[in-house]
Amino acid sequence: MANPKTNSSAYWKKNLQTLIFLLVIWFLVSFGFGIILAEPLNTIKIGGYPLGFWFAQQGSIYSFIVLIFIYVVRMNKLDREFDVNED
């Protein structure tokens, strides 16, 4: 039988790894592409709008929504793996 304390620590370690990974992606998309790399990205046009502007206005929002769904799927998988699911 697994030690509950060790099992809990492993669960939270994987949870935090997932969270940090997704937050880094969100930061890169919103701050990196929308602000820091806006000028180079503005040379590319999507639907007549500069790509840097698109990332600043829409891309960060869309990526955040996708990251929420990725987080939900990943946490459901972790919950089943560590037997803490609500099913």
Protein backbone atom coordinates (compact mmCIF):
# COMPACT_ATOMS: atom_id res chain seq x y z
CA MET A 1 0.00 0.00 0.00
CA ALA A 2 1.35 3.42 -0.98
CA ASN A 3 2.08 6.00 1.66
CA PRO A 4 -0.71 8.63 1.48
CA LYS A 5 1.72 11.46 2.28
CA THR A 6 4.07 10.42 -0.54
CA ASN A 7 1.13 9.94 -2.89
CA SER A 8 -0.18 13.41 -2.01
CA SER A 9 3.25 14.99 -2.52
CA ALA A 10 3.64 13.34 -5.93
CA TYR A 11 0.15 14.50 -6.92
CA TRP A 12 0.85 18.12 -5.98
CA LYS A 13 4.28 18.03 -7.60
CA LYS A 14 2.72 16.95 -10.92
CA ASN A 15 -0.09 19.46 -10.46
CA LEU A 16 2.38 22.32 -9.96
CA GLN A 17 4.50 21.17 -12.92
CA THR A 18 1.42 21.28 -15.13
CA LEU A 19 0.38 24.67 -13.79
CA ILE A 20 3.83 26.22 -14.23
CA PHE A 21 4.16 24.82 -17.76
CA LEU A 22 0.77 26.24 -18.79
CA LEU A 23 1.47 29.62 -17.16
CA VAL A 24 4.79 29.88 -19.01
CA ILE A 25 3.00 29.23 -22.30
CA TRP A 26 0.37 31.84 -21.44
CA PHE A 27 3.09 34.36 -20.53
CA LEU A 28 4.95 33.72 -23.78
CA VAL A 29 1.83 34.15 -25.89
CA SER A 30 0.42 37.20 -24.11
CA PHE A 31 3.54 39.10 -23.05
CA GLY A 32 6.13 37.67 -25.42
CA PHE A 33 4.18 37.65 -28.68
CA GLY A 34 1.80 40.49 -27.83
CA ILE A 35 4.35 42.97 -26.47
CA ILE A 36 8.01 41.99 -26.79
CA LEU A 37 7.86 40.42 -30.26
CA ALA A 38 5.04 42.61 -31.57
CA GLU A 39 7.21 44.60 -34.00
CA PRO A 40 8.71 41.59 -35.83
CA LEU A 41 5.33 39.84 -35.84
CA ASN A 42 3.64 42.92 -37.29
CA THR A 43 5.37 42.24 -40.59
CA ILE A 44 3.03 39.24 -40.98
CA LYS A 45 -0.63 39.98 -41.72
CA ILE A 46 -3.67 37.83 -40.86
CA GLY A 47 -6.94 39.00 -42.36
CA GLY A 48 -5.38 42.41 -42.98
CA TYR A 49 -4.26 42.85 -39.36
CA PRO A 50 -0.66 42.68 -38.13
CA LEU A 51 0.10 39.42 -36.30
CA GLY A 52 1.58 41.24 -33.27
CA PHE A 53 -1.64 43.23 -32.89
CA TRP A 54 -3.66 40.01 -33.29
CA PHE A 55 -1.71 38.28 -30.49
CA ALA A 56 -2.14 41.29 -28.22
CA GLN A 57 -5.88 41.57 -28.86
CA GLN A 58 -7.17 38.08 -29.61
CA GLY A 59 -4.39 35.51 -29.52
CA SER A 60 -3.74 35.69 -25.80
CA ILE A 61 -7.45 35.27 -25.07
CA TYR A 62 -7.82 32.29 -27.41
CA SER A 63 -4.67 30.67 -26.07
CA PHE A 64 -5.90 31.16 -22.50
CA ILE A 65 -9.16 29.38 -23.32
CA VAL A 66 -7.25 26.50 -24.94
CA LEU A 67 -4.95 26.31 -21.90
CA ILE A 68 -7.98 26.05 -19.60
CA PHE A 69 -9.22 23.02 -21.53
CA ILE A 70 -5.74 21.47 -21.51
CA TYR A 71 -5.58 22.00 -17.74
CA VAL A 72 -8.97 20.35 -17.22
CA VAL A 73 -7.98 17.31 -19.29
CA ARG A 74 -4.60 17.03 -17.55
CA MET A 75 -6.09 17.36 -14.07
CA ASN A 76 -8.76 14.75 -14.80
CA LYS A 77 -5.98 12.41 -15.91
CA LEU A 78 -3.95 13.16 -12.76
CA ASP A 79 -7.00 12.67 -10.56
CA ARG A 80 -7.59 9.23 -12.05
CA GLU A 81 -3.89 8.37 -11.81
CA PHE A 82 -3.76 9.20 -8.10
CA ASP A 83 -7.29 7.98 -7.39
CA VAL A 84 -8.62 11.33 -6.18
CA ASN A 85 -11.20 11.73 -8.94
CA GLU A 86 -14.79 12.69 -8.25
CA ASP A 87 -16.32 9.89 -10.33
